[in-house]
Amino acid sequence: MRILMVTDAWRPQVNGVVHTLERLTETLKSFDVAVEFLTPNIFRTLPLPTYPDIRLALTTPGHVARLIDARKADHIHIVTEGPLGIMARRYCRKAGRPFTTSYHTRFPEYLSARL
């Protein structure tokens, strides 16, 4: 099985999402599951205002769709609700690709605490 994880949170960030994904990947690989990531690291990025350690990917929905298709994953898991996660979700819904998501951060509360 091949799983594609789409995440806006990835190294060099050090946070709970990244740590969780690293541990999850280790466990999945122990069950012979291949895990690939679509992360901001391959795009030009812009720092998130109020939290510059988080880099937001600057790309297009079409580019994200092509990258997802190229991975030929059996399953797509959308980890975060940032630009990559939103574009991946839109693509999956439009293309009829099944996907799962997870919820790691309460963004409304997070943003109101920082604005």
PDB file of N, CA and C in Angstrom:
ATOM      1  N   MET A   1       0.842  -1.173   0.000  1.00  0.00           N
ATOM      2  CA  MET A   1       0.000   0.000   0.000  1.00  0.00           C
ATOM      3  C   MET A   1       0.889   1.239   0.000  1.00  0.00           C
ATOM      4  N   ARG A   2       0.432   2.252  -0.721  1.00  0.00           N
ATOM      5  CA  ARG A   2       1.146   3.532  -0.786  1.00  0.00           C
ATOM      6  C   ARG A   2       0.212   4.636  -0.287  1.00  0.00           C
ATOM      7  N   ILE A   3       0.685   5.389   0.678  1.00  0.00           N
ATOM      8  CA  ILE A   3      -0.092   6.498   1.235  1.00  0.00           C
ATOM      9  C   ILE A   3       0.633   7.801   0.938  1.00  0.00           C
ATOM     10  N   LEU A   4      -0.117   8.769   0.459  1.00  0.00           N
ATOM     11  CA  LEU A   4       0.406  10.122   0.272  1.00  0.00           C
ATOM     12  C   LEU A   4      -0.149  10.996   1.384  1.00  0.00           C
ATOM     13  N   MET A   5       0.736  11.611   2.145  1.00  0.00           N
ATOM     14  CA  MET A   5       0.348  12.555   3.197  1.00  0.00           C
ATOM     15  C   MET A   5       0.576  13.964   2.660  1.00  0.00           C
ATOM     16  N   VAL A   6      -0.469  14.760   2.669  1.00  0.00           N
ATOM     17  CA  VAL A   6      -0.371  16.155   2.241  1.00  0.00           C
ATOM     18  C   VAL A   6      -0.384  17.004   3.503  1.00  0.00           C
ATOM     19  N   THR A   7       0.704  17.753   3.717  1.00  0.00           N
ATOM     20  CA  THR A   7       0.808  18.534   4.950  1.00  0.00           C
ATOM     21  C   THR A   7       1.480  19.875   4.711  1.00  0.00           C
ATOM     22  N   ASP A   8       0.945  20.879   5.351  1.00  0.00           N
ATOM     23  CA  ASP A   8       1.564  22.208   5.331  1.00  0.00           C
ATOM     24  C   ASP A   8       2.570  22.351   6.466  1.00  0.00           C
ATOM     25  N   ALA A   9       2.600  21.385   7.360  1.00  0.00           N
ATOM     26  CA  ALA A   9       3.535  21.404   8.497  1.00  0.00           C
ATOM     27  C   ALA A   9       4.572  20.310   8.290  1.00  0.00           C
ATOM     28  N   TRP A  10       5.812  20.707   8.122  1.00  0.00           N
ATOM     29  CA  TRP A  10       6.885  19.738   7.909  1.00  0.00           C
ATOM     30  C   TRP A  10       8.202  20.364   8.284  1.00  0.00           C
ATOM     31  N   ARG A  11       9.229  19.547   8.331  1.00  0.00           N
ATOM     32  CA  ARG A  11      10.565  20.030   8.672  1.00  0.00           C
ATOM     33  C   ARG A  11      10.935  21.225   7.797  1.00  0.00           C
ATOM     34  N   PRO A  12      11.620  22.186   8.281  1.00  0.00           N
ATOM     35  CA  PRO A  12      12.363  22.230   9.536  1.00  0.00           C
ATOM     36  C   PRO A  12      11.519  22.640  10.744  1.00  0.00           C
ATOM     37  N   GLN A  13      10.182  22.738  10.587  1.00  0.00           N
ATOM     38  CA  GLN A  13       9.355  23.064  11.743  1.00  0.00           C
ATOM     39  C   GLN A  13       9.520  21.991  12.816  1.00  0.00           C
ATOM     40  N   VAL A  14       9.447  22.412  14.036  1.00  0.00           N
ATOM     41  CA  VAL A  14       9.453  21.486  15.163  1.00  0.00           C
ATOM     42  C   VAL A  14       8.165  21.752  15.924  1.00  0.00           C
ATOM     43  N   ASN A  15       7.203  20.840  15.753  1.00  0.00           N
ATOM     44  CA  ASN A  15       5.922  21.005  16.436  1.00  0.00           C
ATOM     45  C   ASN A  15       5.243  19.642  16.554  1.00  0.00           C
ATOM     46  N   GLY A  16       4.095  19.626  17.173  1.00  0.00           N
ATOM     47  CA  GLY A  16       3.396  18.374  17.408  1.00  0.00           C
ATOM     48  C   GLY A  16       2.956  17.666  16.142  1.00  0.00           C
ATOM     49  N   VAL A  17       2.565  18.423  15.124  1.00  0.00           N
ATOM     50  CA  VAL A  17       2.138  17.802  13.868  1.00  0.00           C
ATOM     51  C   VAL A  17       3.307  17.061  13.227  1.00  0.00           C
ATOM     52  N   VAL A  18       4.436  17.724  13.118  1.00  0.00           N
ATOM     53  CA  VAL A  18       5.617  17.105  12.500  1.00  0.00           C
ATOM     54  C   VAL A  18       6.048  15.878  13.300  1.00  0.00           C
ATOM     55  N   HIS A  19       6.086  16.014  14.611  1.00  0.00           N
ATOM     56  CA  HIS A  19       6.487  14.885  15.467  1.00  0.00           C
ATOM     57  C   HIS A  19       5.531  13.703  15.280  1.00  0.00           C
ATOM     58  N   THR A  20       4.232  13.978  15.272  1.00  0.00           N
ATOM     59  CA  THR A  20       3.236  12.923  15.083  1.00  0.00           C
ATOM     60  C   THR A  20       3.417  12.231  13.739  1.00  0.00           C
ATOM     61  N   LEU A  21       3.647  13.001  12.682  1.00  0.00           N
ATOM     62  CA  LEU A  21       3.832  12.413  11.352  1.00  0.00           C
ATOM     63  C   LEU A  21       5.088  11.557  11.282  1.00  0.00           C
ATOM     64  N   GLU A  22       6.142  11.992  11.932  1.00  0.00           N
ATOM     65  CA  GLU A  22       7.376  11.195  11.940  1.00  0.00           C
ATOM     66  C   GLU A  22       7.155   9.852  12.633  1.00  0.00           C
ATOM     67  N   ARG A  23       6.468   9.855  13.783  1.00  0.00           N
ATOM     68  CA  ARG A  23       6.201   8.601  14.496  1.00  0.00           C
ATOM     69  C   ARG A  23       5.241   7.724  13.694  1.00  0.00           C
ATOM     70  N   LEU A  24       4.206   8.327  13.127  1.00  0.00           N
ATOM     71  CA  LEU A  24       3.240   7.571  12.332  1.00  0.00           C
ATOM     72  C   LEU A  24       3.920   6.908  11.136  1.00  0.00           C
ATOM     73  N   THR A  25       4.809   7.634  10.481  1.00  0.00           N
ATOM     74  CA  THR A  25       5.531   7.086   9.329  1.00  0.00           C
ATOM     75  C   THR A  25       6.377   5.885   9.734  1.00  0.00           C
ATOM     76  N   GLU A  26       7.066   5.984  10.855  1.00  0.00           N
ATOM     77  CA  GLU A  26       7.860   4.848  11.342  1.00  0.00           C
ATOM     78  C   GLU A  26       6.982   3.613  11.546  1.00  0.00           C
ATOM     79  N   THR A  27       5.827   3.822  12.156  1.00  0.00           N
ATOM     80  CA  THR A  27       4.923   2.702  12.423  1.00  0.00           C
ATOM     81  C   THR A  27       4.379   2.112  11.128  1.00  0.00           C
ATOM     82  N   LEU A  28       3.939   2.968  10.207  1.00  0.00           N
ATOM     83  CA  LEU A  28       3.410   2.469   8.935  1.00  0.00           C
ATOM     84  C   LEU A  28       4.464   1.685   8.162  1.00  0.00           C
ATOM     85  N   LYS A  29       5.684   2.182   8.150  1.00  0.00           N
ATOM     86  CA  LYS A  29       6.757   1.475   7.436  1.00  0.00           C
ATOM     87  C   LYS A  29       7.037   0.112   8.055  1.00  0.00           C
ATOM     88  N   SER A  30       6.837  -0.020   9.358  1.00  0.00           N
ATOM     89  CA  SER A  30       7.040  -1.326   9.999  1.00  0.00           C
ATOM     90  C   SER A  30       5.996  -2.339   9.536  1.00  0.00           C
ATOM     91  N   PHE A  31       4.893  -1.856   8.954  1.00  0.00           N
ATOM     92  CA  PHE A  31       3.859  -2.717   8.375  1.00  0.00           C
ATOM     93  C   PHE A  31       3.968  -2.778   6.849  1.00  0.00           C
ATOM     94  N   ASP A  32       5.131  -2.399   6.328  1.00  0.00           N
ATOM     95  CA  ASP A  32       5.395  -2.401   4.881  1.00  0.00           C
ATOM     96  C   ASP A  32       4.470  -1.477   4.094  1.00  0.00           C
ATOM     97  N   VAL A  33       4.092  -0.376   4.695  1.00  0.00           N
ATOM     98  CA  VAL A  33       3.308   0.646   4.006  1.00  0.00           C
ATOM     99  C   VAL A  33       4.275   1.726   3.536  1.00  0.00           C
ATOM    100  N   ALA A  34       4.236   2.036   2.247  1.00  0.00           N
ATOM    101  CA  ALA A  34       5.078   3.107   1.698  1.00  0.00           C
ATOM    102  C   ALA A  34       4.388   4.443   1.959  1.00  0.00           C
ATOM    103  N   VAL A  35       5.131   5.389   2.497  1.00  0.00           N
ATOM    104  CA  VAL A  35       4.579   6.700   2.824  1.00  0.00           C
ATOM    105  C   VAL A  35       5.367   7.763   2.073  1.00  0.00           C
ATOM    106  N   GLU A  36       4.645   8.625   1.362  1.00  0.00           N
ATOM    107  CA  GLU A  36       5.252   9.779   0.704  1.00  0.00           C
ATOM    108  C   GLU A  36       4.581  11.031   1.234  1.00  0.00           C
ATOM    109  N   PHE A  37       5.282  12.152   1.107  1.00  0.00           N
ATOM    110  CA  PHE A  37       4.759  13.419   1.600  1.00  0.00           C
ATOM    111  C   PHE A  37       4.733  14.457   0.496  1.00  0.00           C
ATOM    112  N   LEU A  38       3.691  15.263   0.507  1.00  0.00           N
ATOM    113  CA  LEU A  38       3.628  16.474  -0.302  1.00  0.00           C
ATOM    114  C   LEU A  38       3.661  17.618   0.707  1.00  0.00           C
ATOM    115  N   THR A  39       4.775  18.350   0.730  1.00  0.00           N
ATOM    116  CA  THR A  39       5.025  19.369   1.756  1.00  0.00           C
ATOM    117  C   THR A  39       5.406  20.696   1.112  1.00  0.00           C
ATOM    118  N   PRO A  40       5.446  21.765   1.885  1.00  0.00           N
ATOM    119  CA  PRO A  40       5.860  23.064   1.340  1.00  0.00           C
ATOM    120  C   PRO A  40       7.311  23.100   0.862  1.00  0.00           C
ATOM    121  N   ASN A  41       8.115  22.118   1.247  1.00  0.00           N
ATOM    122  CA  ASN A  41       9.550  22.154   0.949  1.00  0.00           C
ATOM    123  C   ASN A  41       9.878  22.194  -0.532  1.00  0.00           C
ATOM    124  N   ILE A  42       8.958  21.780  -1.401  1.00  0.00           N
ATOM    125  CA  ILE A  42       9.264  21.774  -2.836  1.00  0.00           C
ATOM    126  C   ILE A  42       8.728  23.011  -3.557  1.00  0.00           C
ATOM    127  N   PHE A  43       8.161  23.945  -2.810  1.00  0.00           N
ATOM    128  CA  PHE A  43       7.571  25.149  -3.395  1.00  0.00           C
ATOM    129  C   PHE A  43       8.261  26.405  -2.868  1.00  0.00           C
ATOM    130  N   ARG A  44       8.070  27.497  -3.579  1.00  0.00           N
ATOM    131  CA  ARG A  44       8.390  28.790  -2.971  1.00  0.00           C
ATOM    132  C   ARG A  44       7.406  28.958  -1.828  1.00  0.00           C
ATOM    133  N   THR A  45       7.843  29.614  -0.770  1.00  0.00           N
ATOM    134  CA  THR A  45       6.973  29.766   0.396  1.00  0.00           C
ATOM    135  C   THR A  45       6.967  31.201   0.890  1.00  0.00           C
ATOM    136  N   LEU A  46       5.985  31.464   1.716  1.00  0.00           N
ATOM    137  CA  LEU A  46       5.808  32.761   2.352  1.00  0.00           C
ATOM    138  C   LEU A  46       5.601  32.494   3.837  1.00  0.00           C
ATOM    139  N   PRO A  47       6.260  33.247   4.730  1.00  0.00           N
ATOM    140  CA  PRO A  47       6.052  32.987   6.161  1.00  0.00           C
ATOM    141  C   PRO A  47       4.642  33.377   6.600  1.00  0.00           C
ATOM    142  N   LEU A  48       4.081  32.587   7.476  1.00  0.00           N
ATOM    143  CA  LEU A  48       2.775  32.894   8.036  1.00  0.00           C
ATOM    144  C   LEU A  48       2.929  34.104   8.952  1.00  0.00           C
ATOM    145  N   PRO A  49       2.171  35.170   8.705  1.00  0.00           N
ATOM    146  CA  PRO A  49       2.256  36.316   9.616  1.00  0.00           C
ATOM    147  C   PRO A  49       1.932  35.849  11.041  1.00  0.00           C
ATOM    148  N   THR A  50       2.594  36.344  11.993  1.00  0.00           N
ATOM    149  CA  THR A  50       2.478  36.033  13.421  1.00  0.00           C
ATOM    150  C   THR A  50       3.146  34.721  13.815  1.00  0.00           C
ATOM    151  N   TYR A  51       3.548  33.890  12.844  1.00  0.00           N
ATOM    152  CA  TYR A  51       4.233  32.633  13.163  1.00  0.00           C
ATOM    153  C   TYR A  51       5.144  32.291  11.989  1.00  0.00           C
ATOM    154  N   PRO A  52       6.239  33.029  11.828  1.00  0.00           N
ATOM    155  CA  PRO A  52       7.081  32.886  10.636  1.00  0.00           C
ATOM    156  C   PRO A  52       7.764  31.530  10.486  1.00  0.00           C
ATOM    157  N   ASP A  53       7.775  30.705  11.531  1.00  0.00           N
ATOM    158  CA  ASP A  53       8.338  29.361  11.383  1.00  0.00           C
ATOM    159  C   ASP A  53       7.484  28.496  10.456  1.00  0.00           C
ATOM    160  N   ILE A  54       6.211  28.836  10.330  1.00  0.00           N
ATOM    161  CA  ILE A  54       5.337  28.118   9.405  1.00  0.00           C
ATOM    162  C   ILE A  54       5.427  28.794   8.053  1.00  0.00           C
ATOM    163  N   ARG A  55       5.799  28.018   7.043  1.00  0.00           N
ATOM    164  CA  ARG A  55       5.957  28.525   5.680  1.00  0.00           C
ATOM    165  C   ARG A  55       4.781  28.038   4.839  1.00  0.00           C
ATOM    166  N   LEU A  56       4.080  28.974   4.201  1.00  0.00           N
ATOM    167  CA  LEU A  56       2.929  28.646   3.369  1.00  0.00           C
ATOM    168  C   LEU A  56       3.376  28.465   1.926  1.00  0.00           C
ATOM    169  N   ALA A  57       2.972  27.364   1.310  1.00  0.00           N
ATOM    170  CA  ALA A  57       3.364  27.059  -0.069  1.00  0.00           C
ATOM    171  C   ALA A  57       2.684  28.009  -1.042  1.00  0.00           C
ATOM    172  N   LEU A  58       3.451  28.492  -1.996  1.00  0.00           N
ATOM    173  CA  LEU A  58       2.925  29.320  -3.078  1.00  0.00           C
ATOM    174  C   LEU A  58       2.891  28.454  -4.333  1.00  0.00           C
ATOM    175  N   THR A  59       1.711  27.996  -4.684  1.00  0.00           N
ATOM    176  CA  THR A  59       1.552  27.124  -5.844  1.00  0.00           C
ATOM    177  C   THR A  59       0.139  27.264  -6.381  1.00  0.00           C
ATOM    178  N   THR A  60      -0.199  26.444  -7.352  1.00  0.00           N
ATOM    179  CA  THR A  60      -1.529  26.494  -7.953  1.00  0.00           C
ATOM    180  C   THR A  60      -2.250  25.166  -7.737  1.00  0.00           C
ATOM    181  N   PRO A  61      -3.579  25.196  -7.777  1.00  0.00           N
ATOM    182  CA  PRO A  61      -4.322  23.941  -7.635  1.00  0.00           C
ATOM    183  C   PRO A  61      -3.954  22.908  -8.705  1.00  0.00           C
ATOM    184  N   GLY A  62      -3.723  23.360  -9.924  1.00  0.00           N
ATOM    185  CA  GLY A  62      -3.356  22.428 -10.991  1.00  0.00           C
ATOM    186  C   GLY A  62      -2.028  21.743 -10.734  1.00  0.00           C
ATOM    187  N   HIS A  63      -1.080  22.492 -10.198  1.00  0.00           N
ATOM    188  CA  HIS A  63       0.226  21.913  -9.886  1.00  0.00           C
ATOM    189  C   HIS A  63       0.087  20.865  -8.784  1.00  0.00           C
ATOM    190  N   VAL A  64      -0.687  21.169  -7.768  1.00  0.00           N
ATOM    191  CA  VAL A  64      -0.912  20.210  -6.678  1.00  0.00           C
ATOM    192  C   VAL A  64      -1.596  18.954  -7.222  1.00  0.00           C
ATOM    193  N   ALA A  65      -2.583  19.121  -8.092  1.00  0.00           N
ATOM    194  CA  ALA A  65      -3.279  17.970  -8.684  1.00  0.00           C
ATOM    195  C   ALA A  65      -2.307  17.082  -9.454  1.00  0.00           C
ATOM    196  N   ARG A  66      -1.440  17.682 -10.248  1.00  0.00           N
ATOM    197  CA  ARG A  66      -0.463  16.894 -11.016  1.00  0.00           C
ATOM    198  C   ARG A  66       0.498  16.149 -10.091  1.00  0.00           C
ATOM    199  N   LEU A  67       0.917  16.808  -9.021  1.00  0.00           N
ATOM    200  CA  LEU A  67       1.822  16.150  -8.072  1.00  0.00           C
ATOM    201  C   LEU A  67       1.139  14.979  -7.369  1.00  0.00           C
ATOM    202  N   ILE A  68      -0.117  15.148  -7.021  1.00  0.00           N
ATOM    203  CA  ILE A  68      -0.864  14.052  -6.390  1.00  0.00           C
ATOM    204  C   ILE A  68      -0.986  12.881  -7.359  1.00  0.00           C
ATOM    205  N   ASP A  69      -1.386  13.161  -8.592  1.00  0.00           N
ATOM    206  CA  ASP A  69      -1.529  12.088  -9.584  1.00  0.00           C
ATOM    207  C   ASP A  69      -0.211  11.372  -9.837  1.00  0.00           C
ATOM    208  N   ALA A  70       0.883  12.118  -9.875  1.00  0.00           N
ATOM    209  CA  ALA A  70       2.196  11.524 -10.156  1.00  0.00           C
ATOM    210  C   ALA A  70       2.623  10.544  -9.067  1.00  0.00           C
ATOM    211  N   ARG A  71       2.136  10.726  -7.846  1.00  0.00           N
ATOM    212  CA  ARG A  71       2.528   9.845  -6.739  1.00  0.00           C
ATOM    213  C   ARG A  71       1.875   8.471  -6.832  1.00  0.00           C
ATOM    214  N   LYS A  72       0.752   8.379  -7.551  1.00  0.00           N
ATOM    215  CA  LYS A  72       0.036   7.105  -7.723  1.00  0.00           C
ATOM    216  C   LYS A  72      -0.214   6.393  -6.389  1.00  0.00           C
ATOM    217  N   ALA A  73      -0.665   7.162  -5.423  1.00  0.00           N
ATOM    218  CA  ALA A  73      -0.925   6.617  -4.090  1.00  0.00           C
ATOM    219  C   ALA A  73      -2.239   5.842  -4.062  1.00  0.00           C
ATOM    220  N   ASP A  74      -2.277   4.825  -3.219  1.00  0.00           N
ATOM    221  CA  ASP A  74      -3.519   4.082  -2.993  1.00  0.00           C
ATOM    222  C   ASP A  74      -4.471   4.870  -2.102  1.00  0.00           C
ATOM    223  N   HIS A  75      -3.890   5.695  -1.265  1.00  0.00           N
ATOM    224  CA  HIS A  75      -4.700   6.485  -0.333  1.00  0.00           C
ATOM    225  C   HIS A  75      -4.066   7.859  -0.143  1.00  0.00           C
ATOM    226  N   ILE A  76      -4.914   8.868   0.001  1.00  0.00           N
ATOM    227  CA  ILE A  76      -4.451  10.235   0.247  1.00  0.00           C
ATOM    228  C   ILE A  76      -4.957  10.655   1.617  1.00  0.00           C
ATOM    229  N   HIS A  77      -4.041  11.118   2.445  1.00  0.00           N
ATOM    230  CA  HIS A  77      -4.416  11.643   3.759  1.00  0.00           C
ATOM    231  C   HIS A  77      -3.994  13.104   3.826  1.00  0.00           C
ATOM    232  N   ILE A  78      -4.965  13.980   4.055  1.00  0.00           N
ATOM    233  CA  ILE A  78      -4.717  15.417   4.145  1.00  0.00           C
ATOM    234  C   ILE A  78      -4.570  15.758   5.623  1.00  0.00           C
ATOM    235  N   VAL A  79      -3.362  16.175   5.976  1.00  0.00           N
ATOM    236  CA  VAL A  79      -3.011  16.341   7.385  1.00  0.00           C
ATOM    237  C   VAL A  79      -3.400  17.711   7.922  1.00  0.00           C
ATOM    238  N   THR A  80      -3.259  18.753   7.115  1.00  0.00           N
ATOM    239  CA  THR A  80      -3.448  20.120   7.605  1.00  0.00           C
ATOM    240  C   THR A  80      -4.426  20.892   6.731  1.00  0.00           C
ATOM    241  N   GLU A  81      -4.899  21.999   7.277  1.00  0.00           N
ATOM    242  CA  GLU A  81      -5.896  22.827   6.604  1.00  0.00           C
ATOM    243  C   GLU A  81      -5.284  24.051   5.937  1.00  0.00           C
ATOM    244  N   GLY A  82      -3.980  24.028   5.676  1.00  0.00           N
ATOM    245  CA  GLY A  82      -3.313  25.154   5.027  1.00  0.00           C
ATOM    246  C   GLY A  82      -3.499  25.117   3.521  1.00  0.00           C
ATOM    247  N   PRO A  83      -2.742  25.929   2.791  1.00  0.00           N
ATOM    248  CA  PRO A  83      -2.904  25.997   1.336  1.00  0.00           C
ATOM    249  C   PRO A  83      -2.802  24.639   0.641  1.00  0.00           C
ATOM    250  N   LEU A  84      -1.818  23.826   0.989  1.00  0.00           N
ATOM    251  CA  LEU A  84      -1.691  22.517   0.335  1.00  0.00           C
ATOM    252  C   LEU A  84      -2.872  21.613   0.672  1.00  0.00           C
ATOM    253  N   GLY A  85      -3.273  21.611   1.931  1.00  0.00           N
ATOM    254  CA  GLY A  85      -4.408  20.789   2.333  1.00  0.00           C
ATOM    255  C   GLY A  85      -5.692  21.198   1.640  1.00  0.00           C
ATOM    256  N   ILE A  86      -5.921  22.494   1.530  1.00  0.00           N
ATOM    257  CA  ILE A  86      -7.137  22.982   0.871  1.00  0.00           C
ATOM    258  C   ILE A  86      -7.131  22.609  -0.608  1.00  0.00           C
ATOM    259  N   MET A  87      -5.994  22.814  -1.281  1.00  0.00           N
ATOM    260  CA  MET A  87      -5.919  22.476  -2.707  1.00  0.00           C
ATOM    261  C   MET A  87      -6.055  20.977  -2.933  1.00  0.00           C
ATOM    262  N   ALA A  88      -5.456  20.174  -2.068  1.00  0.00           N
ATOM    263  CA  ALA A  88      -5.569  18.719  -2.203  1.00  0.00           C
ATOM    264  C   ALA A  88      -7.012  18.270  -2.001  1.00  0.00           C
ATOM    265  N   ARG A  89      -7.681  18.833  -1.019  1.00  0.00           N
ATOM    266  CA  ARG A  89      -9.080  18.470  -0.759  1.00  0.00           C
ATOM    267  C   ARG A  89      -9.957  18.823  -1.947  1.00  0.00           C
ATOM    268  N   ARG A  90      -9.786  20.023  -2.477  1.00  0.00           N
ATOM    269  CA  ARG A  90     -10.589  20.421  -3.645  1.00  0.00           C
ATOM    270  C   ARG A  90     -10.351  19.479  -4.817  1.00  0.00           C
ATOM    271  N   TYR A  91      -9.084  19.145  -5.053  1.00  0.00           N
ATOM    272  CA  TYR A  91      -8.775  18.240  -6.158  1.00  0.00           C
ATOM    273  C   TYR A  91      -9.421  16.875  -5.933  1.00  0.00           C
ATOM    274  N   CYS A  92      -9.262  16.311  -4.752  1.00  0.00           N
ATOM    275  CA  CYS A  92      -9.815  14.983  -4.474  1.00  0.00           C
ATOM    276  C   CYS A  92     -11.328  14.960  -4.659  1.00  0.00           C
ATOM    277  N   ARG A  93     -11.999  15.981  -4.177  1.00  0.00           N
ATOM    278  CA  ARG A  93     -13.460  16.039  -4.335  1.00  0.00           C
ATOM    279  C   ARG A  93     -13.845  16.149  -5.802  1.00  0.00           C
ATOM    280  N   LYS A  94     -13.158  17.005  -6.536  1.00  0.00           N
ATOM    281  CA  LYS A  94     -13.463  17.205  -7.957  1.00  0.00           C
ATOM    282  C   LYS A  94     -13.188  15.936  -8.764  1.00  0.00           C
ATOM    283  N   ALA A  95     -12.088  15.254  -8.456  1.00  0.00           N
ATOM    284  CA  ALA A  95     -11.678  14.065  -9.208  1.00  0.00           C
ATOM    285  C   ALA A  95     -12.325  12.778  -8.688  1.00  0.00           C
ATOM    286  N   GLY A  96     -13.091  12.879  -7.613  1.00  0.00           N
ATOM    287  CA  GLY A  96     -13.709  11.688  -7.042  1.00  0.00           C
ATOM    288  C   GLY A  96     -12.719  10.757  -6.359  1.00  0.00           C
ATOM    289  N   ARG A  97     -11.605  11.327  -5.902  1.00  0.00           N
ATOM    290  CA  ARG A  97     -10.587  10.521  -5.210  1.00  0.00           C
ATOM    291  C   ARG A  97     -10.926  10.471  -3.725  1.00  0.00           C
ATOM    292  N   PRO A  98     -11.033   9.288  -3.152  1.00  0.00           N
ATOM    293  CA  PRO A  98     -11.278   9.218  -1.710  1.00  0.00           C
ATOM    294  C   PRO A  98     -10.067   9.726  -0.937  1.00  0.00           C
ATOM    295  N   PHE A  99     -10.339  10.304   0.215  1.00  0.00           N
ATOM    296  CA  PHE A  99      -9.267  10.830   1.062  1.00  0.00           C
ATOM    297  C   PHE A  99      -9.740  10.845   2.499  1.00  0.00           C
ATOM    298  N   THR A 100      -8.792  10.956   3.394  1.00  0.00           N
ATOM    299  CA  THR A 100      -9.101  11.166   4.803  1.00  0.00           C
ATOM    300  C   THR A 100      -8.400  12.444   5.245  1.00  0.00           C
ATOM    301  N   THR A 101      -8.841  12.977   6.364  1.00  0.00           N
ATOM    302  CA  THR A 101      -8.214  14.171   6.925  1.00  0.00           C
ATOM    303  C   THR A 101      -8.022  13.965   8.424  1.00  0.00           C
ATOM    304  N   SER A 102      -7.229  14.821   9.001  1.00  0.00           N
ATOM    305  CA  SER A 102      -7.090  14.842  10.455  1.00  0.00           C
ATOM    306  C   SER A 102      -7.094  16.295  10.906  1.00  0.00           C
ATOM    307  N   TYR A 103      -7.345  16.474  12.174  1.00  0.00           N
ATOM    308  CA  TYR A 103      -7.506  17.813  12.727  1.00  0.00           C
ATOM    309  C   TYR A 103      -6.514  17.964  13.870  1.00  0.00           C
ATOM    310  N   HIS A 104      -5.529  18.835  13.692  1.00  0.00           N
ATOM    311  CA  HIS A 104      -4.462  18.963  14.680  1.00  0.00           C
ATOM    312  C   HIS A 104      -4.467  20.291  15.428  1.00  0.00           C
ATOM    313  N   THR A 105      -4.982  21.327  14.811  1.00  0.00           N
ATOM    314  CA  THR A 105      -4.894  22.659  15.415  1.00  0.00           C
ATOM    315  C   THR A 105      -6.253  23.340  15.346  1.00  0.00           C
ATOM    316  N   ARG A 106      -6.654  23.953  16.432  1.00  0.00           N
ATOM    317  CA  ARG A 106      -7.896  24.729  16.433  1.00  0.00           C
ATOM    318  C   ARG A 106      -7.565  26.126  15.914  1.00  0.00           C
ATOM    319  N   PHE A 107      -7.576  26.259  14.583  1.00  0.00           N
ATOM    320  CA  PHE A 107      -7.120  27.493  13.965  1.00  0.00           C
ATOM    321  C   PHE A 107      -7.890  28.744  14.388  1.00  0.00           C
ATOM    322  N   PRO A 108      -9.215  28.724  14.521  1.00  0.00           N
ATOM    323  CA  PRO A 108      -9.882  29.961  14.965  1.00  0.00           C
ATOM    324  C   PRO A 108      -9.339  30.461  16.309  1.00  0.00           C
ATOM    325  N   GLU A 109      -9.181  29.545  17.267  1.00  0.00           N
ATOM    326  CA  GLU A 109      -8.648  29.934  18.568  1.00  0.00           C
ATOM    327  C   GLU A 109      -7.185  30.344  18.456  1.00  0.00           C
ATOM    328  N   TYR A 110      -6.450  29.617  17.636  1.00  0.00           N
ATOM    329  CA  TYR A 110      -5.027  29.904  17.427  1.00  0.00           C
ATOM    330  C   TYR A 110      -4.847  31.312  16.857  1.00  0.00           C
ATOM    331  N   LEU A 111      -5.622  31.630  15.829  1.00  0.00           N
ATOM    332  CA  LEU A 111      -5.492  32.947  15.197  1.00  0.00           C
ATOM    333  C   LEU A 111      -5.941  34.070  16.125  1.00  0.00           C
ATOM    334  N   SER A 112      -7.051  33.867  16.833  1.00  0.00           N
ATOM    335  CA  SER A 112      -7.529  34.941  17.704  1.00  0.00           C
ATOM    336  C   SER A 112      -6.543  35.224  18.834  1.00  0.00           C
ATOM    337  N   ALA A 113      -5.794  34.226  19.256  1.00  0.00           N
ATOM    338  CA  ALA A 113      -4.791  34.433  20.305  1.00  0.00           C
ATOM    339  C   ALA A 113      -3.583  35.206  19.792  1.00  0.00           C
ATOM    340  N   ARG A 114      -3.367  35.194  18.472  1.00  0.00           N
ATOM    341  CA  ARG A 114      -2.183  35.831  17.906  1.00  0.00           C
ATOM    342  C   ARG A 114      -2.468  37.140  17.176  1.00  0.00           C
ATOM    343  N   LEU A 115      -3.721  37.435  16.938  1.00  0.00           N
ATOM    344  CA  LEU A 115      -4.053  38.682  16.221  1.00  0.00           C
ATOM    345  C   LEU A 115      -4.422  39.798  17.165  1.00  0.00           C
TER     346      LEU A 115
END
